[in-house]
Protein backbone atom coordinates (compact mmCIF):
# COMPACT_ATOMS: atom_id res chain seq x y z
CA MET A 1 101.96 137.89 118.43
CA PHE A 2 101.37 134.43 116.88
CA GLN A 3 102.71 131.11 118.17
CA ASP A 4 102.59 127.64 116.62
CA LYS A 5 99.42 125.80 117.72
CA THR A 6 98.80 122.09 117.78
CA LEU A 7 95.33 121.23 116.48
CA GLN A 8 93.50 117.95 115.99
CA CYS A 9 92.18 116.99 112.55
CA ARG A 10 88.42 116.61 112.32
CA ASP A 11 88.67 113.76 109.81
CA CYS A 12 91.59 111.54 110.84
CA GLY A 13 92.12 112.68 114.44
CA ALA A 14 95.85 113.29 113.94
CA ASP A 15 97.55 116.24 115.57
CA PHE A 16 99.00 118.85 113.22
CA VAL A 17 100.78 122.16 113.71
CA PHE A 18 99.10 125.41 112.68
CA THR A 19 102.29 127.39 112.11
CA VAL A 20 102.95 131.07 112.67
CA GLY A 21 103.21 131.56 108.90
CA GLU A 22 99.84 129.89 108.32
CA GLN A 23 98.28 131.99 111.06
CA GLU A 24 99.62 135.17 109.45
CA PHE A 25 98.23 134.05 106.09
CA TYR A 26 94.82 133.38 107.67
CA ALA A 27 94.89 136.81 109.34
CA ASP A 28 95.84 138.55 106.07
CA LYS A 29 92.94 136.84 104.27
CA GLY A 30 90.52 137.70 107.07
CA PHE A 31 89.79 134.06 107.94
CA GLU A 32 88.35 133.83 111.43
CA ASN A 33 88.09 130.06 111.93
CA LEU A 34 91.00 127.76 112.68
CA PRO A 35 91.64 124.98 110.14
CA ALA A 36 89.70 121.86 111.07
CA ARG A 37 91.66 119.41 108.93
CA CYS A 38 95.34 118.48 108.67
CA PRO A 39 97.10 119.34 105.38
CA GLU A 40 96.79 115.75 104.14
CA CYS A 41 93.05 115.58 104.75
CA ARG A 42 92.56 119.05 103.21
CA ALA A 43 94.38 117.90 100.06
CA ALA A 44 92.34 114.68 99.91
CA ARG A 45 89.10 116.62 100.34
CA ARG A 46 90.06 119.02 97.54
CA GLN A 47 90.81 116.12 95.21
CA ASN A 48 87.53 114.39 96.01
CA ARG A 49 85.57 117.56 95.28
CA ARG A 50 87.24 117.74 91.87
CA GLY A 51 86.24 114.18 91.10
CA PHE A 52 89.73 112.63 91.22
CA GLY A 53 90.02 110.37 94.26
CA GLY A 54 86.80 108.41 94.17
CA GLN A 55 84.34 107.51 91.49
CA PRO A 56 84.21 109.35 88.18
CA ARG A 57 81.87 112.31 88.09
CA GLN A 58 78.34 111.56 86.91
CA MET A 59 77.83 113.02 83.43
CA TYR A 60 74.55 113.51 81.58
CA PRO A 61 73.90 113.64 77.82
CA ALA A 62 72.73 116.96 76.36
CA VAL A 63 72.47 118.83 73.09
CA CYS A 64 74.17 122.22 72.86
CA ALA A 65 71.61 125.03 72.55
CA SER A 66 74.01 127.04 70.38
CA CYS A 67 75.64 124.65 67.87
CA GLY A 68 73.48 121.51 68.25
CA VAL A 69 76.37 119.13 68.99
CA GLU A 70 75.79 116.23 71.38
CA THR A 71 77.76 116.72 74.59
CA GLU A 72 77.91 115.65 78.23
CA VAL A 73 77.45 117.92 81.24
CA PRO A 74 78.02 117.34 84.99
CA PHE A 75 74.39 118.11 85.89
CA GLU A 76 71.06 116.74 84.77
CA PRO A 77 69.52 119.17 82.27
CA THR A 78 65.95 120.13 83.15
CA GLY A 79 65.06 121.90 79.91
CA VAL A 80 64.40 125.17 81.75
CA LYS A 81 67.74 126.77 80.86
CA PRO A 82 69.88 126.31 77.75
CA VAL A 83 72.80 123.89 77.92
CA TYR A 84 76.01 124.54 75.99
CA CYS A 85 78.94 122.39 74.90
CA ARG A 86 82.34 123.30 76.32
CA ASP A 87 83.34 125.43 73.30
CA CYS A 88 80.10 127.44 73.17
CA PHE A 89 80.08 127.86 76.94
CA GLN A 90 83.60 129.31 76.84
CA ALA A 91 82.70 131.59 73.93
CA ASN A 92 79.59 132.89 75.73
CA ARG A 93 81.54 133.31 78.93
CA GLN A 94 84.21 135.45 77.23
CA TYR A 95 81.59 137.87 75.95
CA GLY A 96 79.50 137.83 79.12
CA SER A 97 76.31 136.84 77.32
CA ARG A 98 75.06 133.79 79.22
């Protein structure tokens, strides 16, 4: 049913093979679109989204609404919602009371 397909990467323009195994995986997961990036560019994109490859992630100072400790968060607090340190956030997350 499936056959290896040669696709062109959207980012680097290199040709890459979309294998039968990958196609079966995509079908099992219900993915309808073909991959647009080669494996190398997909990996690089994932790393950049996690803040590894480029500049360090912008962090903002905040005070934890639960314990009062000074902390840093990856978003600019607006004062509308409470901000928690890592420990309090994890504790609240475990109990589902955010």
